[in-house]
Structures are given as structure tokens and as C-alpha cells.
N, C-alpha and C. Protein backbone atom coordinates (compact mmCIF):
# COMPACT_ATOMS: atom_id res chain seq x y z
N MET A 1 -8.36 -30.93 10.20
CA MET A 1 -8.13 -29.60 9.89
C MET A 1 -8.15 -28.72 11.08
N GLN A 2 -7.23 -27.72 11.24
CA GLN A 2 -7.30 -26.96 12.48
C GLN A 2 -7.91 -25.69 12.24
N PHE A 3 -8.62 -25.29 13.31
CA PHE A 3 -9.29 -23.99 13.28
C PHE A 3 -8.34 -22.92 13.67
N VAL A 4 -8.28 -21.75 12.72
CA VAL A 4 -7.30 -20.61 13.41
C VAL A 4 -8.19 -19.35 13.08
N GLU A 5 -8.01 -18.15 13.85
CA GLU A 5 -8.45 -17.11 13.79
C GLU A 5 -8.03 -16.28 12.36
N SER A 6 -6.85 -16.50 12.12
CA SER A 6 -6.43 -15.86 10.82
C SER A 6 -5.20 -16.65 10.09
N ILE A 7 -5.19 -16.40 8.80
CA ILE A 7 -4.17 -17.37 7.99
C ILE A 7 -3.53 -16.24 7.07
N LYS A 8 -2.17 -16.66 6.80
CA LYS A 8 -1.40 -15.68 6.00
C LYS A 8 -1.26 -16.58 4.66
N TYR A 9 -1.83 -15.94 3.58
CA TYR A 9 -1.72 -16.52 2.30
C TYR A 9 -1.23 -15.51 1.27
N LEU A 10 -0.05 -15.94 0.66
CA LEU A 10 0.50 -14.99 -0.28
C LEU A 10 0.88 -13.51 0.39
N GLY A 11 1.08 -13.58 1.66
CA GLY A 11 1.54 -12.08 2.26
C GLY A 11 0.19 -11.38 2.67
N VAL A 12 -0.93 -11.87 2.57
CA VAL A 12 -2.13 -11.18 2.99
C VAL A 12 -2.82 -12.12 4.09
N HIS A 13 -3.14 -11.49 5.30
CA HIS A 13 -3.68 -11.98 6.42
C HIS A 13 -5.23 -12.10 6.30
N ILE A 14 -5.75 -13.35 6.13
CA ILE A 14 -7.19 -13.43 6.06
C ILE A 14 -7.71 -13.88 7.50
N VAL A 15 -8.80 -13.15 7.79
CA VAL A 15 -9.44 -13.46 9.13
C VAL A 15 -10.62 -14.26 8.96
N ALA A 16 -10.86 -14.95 9.90
CA ALA A 16 -11.99 -15.86 9.95
C ALA A 16 -13.37 -14.97 10.29
N ASN A 17 -14.08 -14.95 9.37
CA ASN A 17 -15.33 -14.13 9.37
C ASN A 17 -16.48 -14.75 8.35
N ARG A 18 -17.48 -14.30 8.63
CA ARG A 18 -18.74 -14.70 7.81
C ARG A 18 -18.39 -14.01 6.27
N LYS A 19 -17.84 -13.01 5.98
CA LYS A 19 -17.42 -12.42 4.89
C LYS A 19 -15.97 -12.43 4.62
N PHE A 20 -15.60 -12.42 3.50
CA PHE A 20 -14.06 -12.25 3.27
C PHE A 20 -13.60 -11.01 3.82
N LYS A 21 -12.54 -11.11 4.95
CA LYS A 21 -12.08 -9.97 5.59
C LYS A 21 -10.51 -10.16 5.81
N CYS A 22 -9.72 -9.24 5.56
CA CYS A 22 -8.47 -9.24 5.76
C CYS A 22 -7.96 -8.21 7.01
N THR A 23 -6.81 -8.63 7.50
CA THR A 23 -6.38 -7.77 8.69
C THR A 23 -5.11 -7.13 8.29
N PHE A 24 -4.92 -5.95 8.70
CA PHE A 24 -3.80 -5.12 8.20
C PHE A 24 -2.81 -4.87 9.45
N GLU A 25 -3.01 -5.36 10.51
CA GLU A 25 -2.11 -5.18 11.75
C GLU A 25 -0.81 -5.58 11.46
N GLU A 26 -0.49 -6.53 10.81
CA GLU A 26 0.89 -7.00 10.55
C GLU A 26 1.48 -5.95 9.51
N VAL A 27 0.74 -5.65 8.64
CA VAL A 27 1.26 -4.65 7.58
C VAL A 27 1.73 -3.25 8.26
N LYS A 28 0.80 -2.87 9.27
CA LYS A 28 1.24 -1.64 10.02
C LYS A 28 2.42 -1.85 10.84
N LEU A 29 2.56 -2.96 11.42
CA LEU A 29 3.80 -3.20 12.18
C LEU A 29 5.12 -3.26 11.28
N LYS A 30 5.10 -3.78 10.25
CA LYS A 30 6.00 -4.00 9.25
C LYS A 30 6.50 -2.45 8.82
N PHE A 31 5.55 -1.79 8.36
CA PHE A 31 5.54 -0.28 7.90
C PHE A 31 6.36 0.43 8.96
N PHE A 32 5.99 0.45 10.22
CA PHE A 32 6.55 1.13 11.23
C PHE A 32 7.90 0.65 11.66
N ARG A 33 8.20 -0.72 11.54
CA ARG A 33 9.47 -1.27 11.75
C ARG A 33 10.46 -0.69 10.75
N VAL A 34 10.07 -0.61 9.38
CA VAL A 34 10.92 -0.13 8.40
C VAL A 34 11.13 1.39 8.72
N PHE A 35 9.97 2.09 8.77
CA PHE A 35 9.94 3.71 9.01
C PHE A 35 10.83 4.04 10.18
N ASN A 36 10.71 3.19 11.38
CA ASN A 36 11.52 3.74 12.46
C ASN A 36 13.10 3.56 12.22
N CYS A 37 13.38 2.60 11.39
CA CYS A 37 14.87 2.40 11.01
C CYS A 37 15.27 3.51 10.08
N ILE A 38 14.57 3.90 9.11
CA ILE A 38 14.91 4.96 8.20
C ILE A 38 14.88 6.21 9.10
N TYR A 39 13.87 6.57 10.02
CA TYR A 39 13.86 7.82 10.58
C TYR A 39 15.04 8.02 11.56
N ALA A 40 15.26 6.92 12.33
CA ALA A 40 16.43 7.01 13.30
C ALA A 40 17.77 7.35 12.57
N ARG A 41 17.98 6.81 11.26
CA ARG A 41 19.27 7.07 10.60
C ARG A 41 19.17 8.44 9.64
N SER A 42 18.04 9.00 9.47
CA SER A 42 17.98 10.05 8.61
C SER A 42 17.85 11.28 9.69
N LYS A 43 17.51 11.12 10.90
CA LYS A 43 17.42 12.06 11.67
C LYS A 43 18.66 12.96 11.93
N ALA A 44 19.61 12.11 11.90
CA ALA A 44 21.06 12.76 12.06
C ALA A 44 21.53 13.56 10.84
N ALA A 45 20.99 13.14 9.58
CA ALA A 45 21.28 13.84 8.37
C ALA A 45 20.45 15.14 8.23
N ASP A 46 19.52 15.24 8.93
CA ASP A 46 18.59 16.36 9.04
C ASP A 46 17.98 16.70 7.55
N SER A 47 17.72 15.73 6.86
CA SER A 47 17.19 15.75 5.50
C SER A 47 15.74 15.29 5.40
N GLU A 48 14.76 15.94 5.48
CA GLU A 48 13.39 15.71 5.27
C GLU A 48 12.96 14.99 3.93
N ILE A 49 13.58 15.76 3.06
CA ILE A 49 13.20 15.23 1.62
C ILE A 49 13.69 13.82 1.39
N ALA A 50 14.95 13.43 1.77
CA ALA A 50 15.42 12.15 1.73
C ALA A 50 14.60 11.23 2.57
N THR A 51 14.27 11.51 3.67
CA THR A 51 13.45 10.72 4.46
C THR A 51 12.12 10.25 3.91
N VAL A 52 11.33 11.32 3.33
CA VAL A 52 10.18 11.06 2.59
C VAL A 52 10.38 10.29 1.36
N GLU A 53 11.47 10.48 0.65
CA GLU A 53 11.56 9.52 -0.55
C GLU A 53 11.95 8.08 -0.10
N LEU A 54 12.68 7.93 0.82
CA LEU A 54 12.94 6.58 1.33
C LEU A 54 11.63 5.94 1.95
N LEU A 55 10.71 6.89 2.55
CA LEU A 55 9.44 6.37 3.08
C LEU A 55 8.64 5.87 1.79
N LYS A 56 8.57 6.69 0.76
CA LYS A 56 7.84 6.28 -0.43
C LYS A 56 8.26 4.85 -0.89
N TYR A 57 9.51 4.73 -1.11
CA TYR A 57 10.22 3.61 -1.74
C TYR A 57 10.31 2.43 -1.01
N TYR A 58 10.34 2.53 0.32
CA TYR A 58 10.65 1.28 1.12
C TYR A 58 9.44 0.98 2.06
N CYS A 59 8.62 1.91 2.50
CA CYS A 59 7.54 1.70 3.52
C CYS A 59 6.21 1.63 2.70
N LEU A 60 6.00 2.59 1.82
CA LEU A 60 4.64 2.52 1.06
C LEU A 60 4.30 1.33 0.38
N PRO A 61 5.35 0.31 -0.17
CA PRO A 61 4.87 -0.89 -0.67
C PRO A 61 4.16 -1.88 0.27
N TYR A 62 4.59 -1.58 1.58
CA TYR A 62 3.86 -2.58 2.61
C TYR A 62 2.51 -2.29 2.70
N ILE A 63 2.02 -0.99 2.48
CA ILE A 63 0.67 -0.71 2.69
C ILE A 63 -0.05 -0.98 1.41
N THR A 64 0.47 -0.84 0.30
CA THR A 64 0.04 -1.00 -0.93
C THR A 64 -0.09 -2.52 -1.53
N TYR A 65 0.71 -3.38 -0.84
CA TYR A 65 0.84 -4.75 -1.08
C TYR A 65 -0.59 -5.52 -1.48
N ALA A 66 -0.63 -5.92 -2.69
CA ALA A 66 -1.96 -6.85 -2.84
C ALA A 66 -3.25 -5.86 -3.08
N CYS A 67 -2.95 -4.60 -3.31
CA CYS A 67 -4.14 -3.75 -3.25
C CYS A 67 -5.01 -4.09 -4.45
N GLU A 68 -4.52 -4.68 -5.55
CA GLU A 68 -5.10 -4.99 -6.72
C GLU A 68 -6.11 -6.17 -6.41
N ALA A 69 -5.83 -6.99 -5.52
CA ALA A 69 -6.72 -8.26 -5.55
C ALA A 69 -7.65 -8.01 -4.37
N VAL A 70 -7.07 -7.39 -3.20
CA VAL A 70 -7.80 -7.23 -1.91
C VAL A 70 -8.61 -6.04 -2.08
N SER A 71 -10.02 -6.01 -1.72
CA SER A 71 -10.76 -4.71 -1.75
C SER A 71 -10.82 -4.24 -0.38
N PHE A 72 -10.44 -3.24 -0.17
CA PHE A 72 -10.26 -2.33 1.11
C PHE A 72 -11.50 -1.78 1.54
N SER A 73 -11.81 -1.96 2.85
CA SER A 73 -13.15 -1.33 3.28
C SER A 73 -12.72 0.21 3.62
N LYS A 74 -13.66 1.12 3.81
CA LYS A 74 -13.39 2.51 4.04
C LYS A 74 -12.57 2.50 5.38
N THR A 75 -12.90 1.80 6.27
CA THR A 75 -12.04 1.85 7.51
C THR A 75 -10.73 1.27 7.38
N ASP A 76 -10.52 0.28 6.54
CA ASP A 76 -9.09 -0.05 6.16
C ASP A 76 -8.32 0.95 5.56
N ILE A 77 -8.80 1.75 4.62
CA ILE A 77 -8.19 2.77 3.84
C ILE A 77 -7.86 3.85 4.85
N SER A 78 -8.80 4.28 5.73
CA SER A 78 -8.61 5.43 6.68
C SER A 78 -7.54 4.91 7.66
N LYS A 79 -7.43 3.72 8.14
CA LYS A 79 -6.26 3.23 9.10
C LYS A 79 -5.03 3.28 8.35
N LEU A 80 -4.96 2.79 7.13
CA LEU A 80 -3.62 2.80 6.35
C LEU A 80 -3.39 4.07 5.96
N ASP A 81 -4.19 4.92 5.56
CA ASP A 81 -3.72 6.39 5.36
C ASP A 81 -3.28 7.26 6.67
N ASN A 82 -3.88 6.91 7.84
CA ASN A 82 -3.31 7.48 8.81
C ASN A 82 -2.06 6.95 9.17
N VAL A 83 -1.68 5.71 8.97
CA VAL A 83 -0.33 5.28 9.13
C VAL A 83 0.77 6.22 8.31
N MET A 84 0.52 6.28 7.18
CA MET A 84 1.20 7.33 6.43
C MET A 84 1.26 8.76 6.81
N ASN A 85 0.16 9.20 7.23
CA ASN A 85 0.06 10.60 7.80
C ASN A 85 0.89 10.71 9.05
N HIS A 86 0.76 9.56 9.98
CA HIS A 86 1.68 9.69 11.14
C HIS A 86 3.10 9.72 10.85
N ALA A 87 3.47 8.98 9.90
CA ALA A 87 4.86 9.07 9.55
C ALA A 87 5.41 10.41 9.10
N LEU A 88 4.48 10.97 8.30
CA LEU A 88 4.81 12.31 7.73
C LEU A 88 4.63 13.34 8.83
N CYS A 89 3.72 13.26 9.85
CA CYS A 89 3.77 14.17 10.96
C CYS A 89 5.15 14.00 11.79
N LYS A 90 5.60 12.89 11.99
CA LYS A 90 6.76 12.61 12.70
C LYS A 90 7.98 13.26 11.96
N ILE A 91 8.17 13.10 10.62
CA ILE A 91 9.16 13.65 9.93
C ILE A 91 9.28 15.13 10.05
N PHE A 92 8.01 15.77 9.80
CA PHE A 92 8.08 17.35 9.61
C PHE A 92 7.60 17.86 10.88
N ASN A 93 7.27 17.10 11.91
CA ASN A 93 6.91 17.75 13.36
C ASN A 93 5.66 18.66 13.14
N ILE A 94 4.57 18.05 12.51
CA ILE A 94 3.48 18.75 12.11
C ILE A 94 2.30 17.93 12.76
N SER A 95 1.14 18.65 13.02
CA SER A 95 -0.05 17.73 13.69
C SER A 95 -1.34 18.16 12.83
N ASN A 96 -1.30 19.35 12.30
CA ASN A 96 -2.72 19.74 11.48
C ASN A 96 -2.79 18.92 10.24
N ARG A 97 -4.01 18.41 10.19
CA ARG A 97 -4.24 17.56 8.99
C ARG A 97 -4.07 18.36 7.56
N ASP A 98 -4.46 19.64 7.56
CA ASP A 98 -4.28 20.34 6.30
C ASP A 98 -2.81 20.35 5.91
N ASN A 99 -1.88 20.65 6.89
CA ASN A 99 -0.34 20.44 6.61
C ASN A 99 0.09 19.07 6.16
N VAL A 100 -0.47 18.14 6.60
CA VAL A 100 -0.18 16.65 6.20
C VAL A 100 -0.63 16.49 4.87
N MET A 101 -1.91 17.07 4.45
CA MET A 101 -2.37 16.79 3.15
C MET A 101 -1.53 17.79 2.10
N TYR A 102 -1.14 18.89 2.49
CA TYR A 102 -0.16 19.59 1.69
C TYR A 102 1.16 18.94 1.40
N VAL A 103 1.68 18.42 2.57
CA VAL A 103 3.01 17.56 2.37
C VAL A 103 2.77 16.41 1.35
N ARG A 104 1.64 15.90 1.62
CA ARG A 104 1.38 14.64 0.72
C ARG A 104 1.35 15.09 -0.73
N THR A 105 0.69 16.17 -0.98
CA THR A 105 0.54 16.65 -2.21
C THR A 105 1.85 17.10 -3.02
N GLN A 106 2.69 17.84 -2.16
CA GLN A 106 3.92 18.19 -2.58
C GLN A 106 4.76 17.18 -2.97
N PHE A 107 4.91 15.97 -2.31
CA PHE A 107 5.73 14.88 -2.48
C PHE A 107 5.05 13.73 -3.30
N GLY A 108 3.89 14.08 -3.81
CA GLY A 108 3.30 13.11 -4.86
C GLY A 108 2.81 11.79 -4.10
N ILE A 109 2.17 11.86 -2.88
CA ILE A 109 1.75 10.68 -2.11
C ILE A 109 0.31 10.77 -1.94
N PRO A 110 -0.41 10.13 -3.12
CA PRO A 110 -1.97 10.25 -3.00
C PRO A 110 -2.47 9.30 -1.88
N SER A 111 -3.78 9.48 -1.70
CA SER A 111 -4.49 8.44 -0.77
C SER A 111 -4.37 7.15 -1.21
N LEU A 112 -4.46 6.19 -0.31
CA LEU A 112 -4.53 4.70 -0.55
C LEU A 112 -5.74 4.43 -1.49
N SER A 113 -6.67 5.01 -1.48
CA SER A 113 -7.88 4.77 -2.36
C SER A 113 -7.63 5.06 -3.75
N ASP A 114 -6.71 6.10 -3.92
CA ASP A 114 -6.37 6.62 -5.38
C ASP A 114 -5.20 5.53 -5.79
N ILE A 115 -4.30 5.23 -4.92
CA ILE A 115 -3.42 4.21 -5.35
C ILE A 115 -3.91 2.85 -5.64
N ALA A 116 -4.89 2.49 -4.89
CA ALA A 116 -5.43 1.28 -5.07
C ALA A 116 -6.35 1.20 -6.41
N GLU A 117 -6.97 2.32 -6.69
CA GLU A 117 -7.66 2.19 -7.96
C GLU A 117 -6.90 2.38 -9.13
N ARG A 118 -5.76 3.05 -9.09
CA ARG A 118 -4.80 3.27 -10.15
C ARG A 118 -4.20 1.85 -10.45
N ARG A 119 -3.85 1.13 -9.48
CA ARG A 119 -3.22 -0.16 -9.46
C ARG A 119 -4.26 -1.25 -9.96
N ARG A 120 -5.39 -1.19 -9.49
CA ARG A 120 -6.41 -2.09 -10.03
C ARG A 120 -6.61 -1.81 -11.61
N GLN A 121 -6.71 -0.56 -12.05
CA GLN A 121 -6.94 -0.16 -13.30
C GLN A 121 -5.76 -0.68 -14.22
N THR A 122 -4.50 -0.50 -13.67
CA THR A 122 -3.35 -1.00 -14.47
C THR A 122 -3.39 -2.51 -14.64
N PHE A 123 -3.71 -3.11 -13.52
CA PHE A 123 -3.86 -4.60 -13.44
C PHE A 123 -4.92 -5.07 -14.48
N MET A 124 -6.01 -4.58 -14.45
CA MET A 124 -7.09 -5.04 -15.47
C MET A 124 -6.72 -4.66 -16.87
N ASN A 125 -6.05 -3.41 -17.19
CA ASN A 125 -5.60 -3.26 -18.55
C ASN A 125 -4.43 -4.26 -18.82
N ASN A 126 -3.75 -4.60 -18.08
CA ASN A 126 -2.69 -5.59 -18.52
C ASN A 126 -3.21 -6.96 -18.75
N LEU A 127 -4.33 -7.37 -17.91
CA LEU A 127 -5.07 -8.60 -18.09
C LEU A 127 -5.67 -8.70 -19.49
N ILE A 128 -6.34 -7.48 -19.86
CA ILE A 128 -7.09 -7.47 -20.90
C ILE A 128 -6.09 -7.36 -22.12
N ASP A 129 -4.85 -6.72 -22.08
CA ASP A 129 -3.90 -6.92 -23.07
C ASP A 129 -3.37 -8.27 -23.35
N LEU A 130 -3.20 -8.94 -22.17
CA LEU A 130 -2.67 -10.25 -22.17
C LEU A 130 -3.61 -11.35 -22.97
N HIS A 131 -4.96 -10.95 -22.66
CA HIS A 131 -5.97 -11.89 -23.31
C HIS A 131 -6.07 -11.60 -24.70
N HIS A 132 -5.88 -10.29 -25.28
CA HIS A 132 -5.78 -10.07 -26.64
C HIS A 132 -4.53 -10.59 -27.26
N PHE A 133 -3.52 -10.59 -26.51
CA PHE A 133 -2.16 -11.32 -27.05
C PHE A 133 -2.44 -12.67 -27.24
N TRP A 134 -3.05 -13.41 -26.30
CA TRP A 134 -3.26 -14.85 -26.42
C TRP A 134 -4.18 -15.12 -27.54
N LEU A 135 -5.32 -14.30 -27.83
CA LEU A 135 -6.27 -14.56 -28.81
C LEU A 135 -5.40 -14.41 -30.10
N VAL A 136 -4.68 -13.34 -30.34
CA VAL A 136 -3.99 -13.11 -31.73
C VAL A 136 -2.86 -14.25 -31.71
N LEU A 137 -2.21 -14.72 -30.81
CA LEU A 137 -1.31 -15.74 -30.79
C LEU A 137 -1.90 -17.02 -31.25
N SER A 138 -3.24 -17.38 -30.68
CA SER A 138 -3.68 -18.73 -30.84
C SER A 138 -4.52 -18.59 -32.34
N SER A 139 -4.89 -17.50 -32.78
CA SER A 139 -5.37 -17.29 -34.13
C SER A 139 -4.30 -17.49 -35.28
N THR A 140 -3.22 -16.97 -35.03
CA THR A 140 -2.11 -17.19 -35.98
C THR A 140 -1.52 -18.58 -35.69
N VAL A 141 -1.62 -19.34 -34.74
CA VAL A 141 -1.08 -20.71 -34.75
C VAL A 141 -1.94 -21.62 -35.51
N TRP A 142 -3.18 -21.39 -35.49
CA TRP A 142 -4.16 -22.33 -36.19
C TRP A 142 -4.20 -22.14 -37.57
N MET A 143 -3.77 -21.02 -38.13
CA MET A 143 -3.84 -20.68 -39.62
C MET A 143 -2.86 -21.30 -40.46
């Protein structure tokens, strides 16, 4: 068996550590790679609204991938929220944190902690519904 510093399993980069820990550096690189492509092409169109919508639908999934299963530390949430904030600052040419929060509110981009909590809740509800479905199905089969 080979010792490695990190391993990619199902798209999540797990780091060798005493506790379970993931790294999100690759996630940030992928996010910015896609964002820079979108931004370069939409800059000529001069449409910030379209750029933000493309950002939400193409870039945000990189940040939120597997957030149902991986528990983020506060530092991880802060770093990934800063990635989104940096992209919005670049689109709207702003630097004030209050302005960034206003833009996020107007375009319906909640914080990563809110997104992760909502997705975890949906996952658990679906899991409970699936469990109830199998209980009902198994009780009707044996009757």
C-alpha cells in the first residue's frame, strides 16, 4: 500500500490527517477555471445579470458538491464563500463587503453554510421518505 498526502474519492479530496479532513483547493481551481471562461466571454456582452446567472448554474455546483456528506469547518465555509464573493466583486467591480452581501441577496445566492444546511435537510428528508417507502412496500409484500 502506498502512502499519499491526499486521495480523491468520488470527487472529494481527502487529506491525510488524524481527523477526517478534506481539501478544497482543487474545487477552487475548477471554480475559477469555469468562472474565468464565463467572465471573459460575457465581458464583451456587458451583461452582469447573465454573468451572475451563469455563475450560479455553472460555478456554484463546484463549491456545493457533496456538501450533504462532507461537514465543512468554519474556515472551509469562509474560504469557499470568499471564492464566490471574489467572483461577484470582479463582475460588478466592487470591493465593499456590504455591497457584495447586497448583490448576493438580490441574486438569491445564500451563504455556503445556508446552502449546505438546506441540502443536508433535503437529503435527510429524502432518506426518511425512502425508508418509509421500503417499510410500506415490505409490509404489503408479506401480507
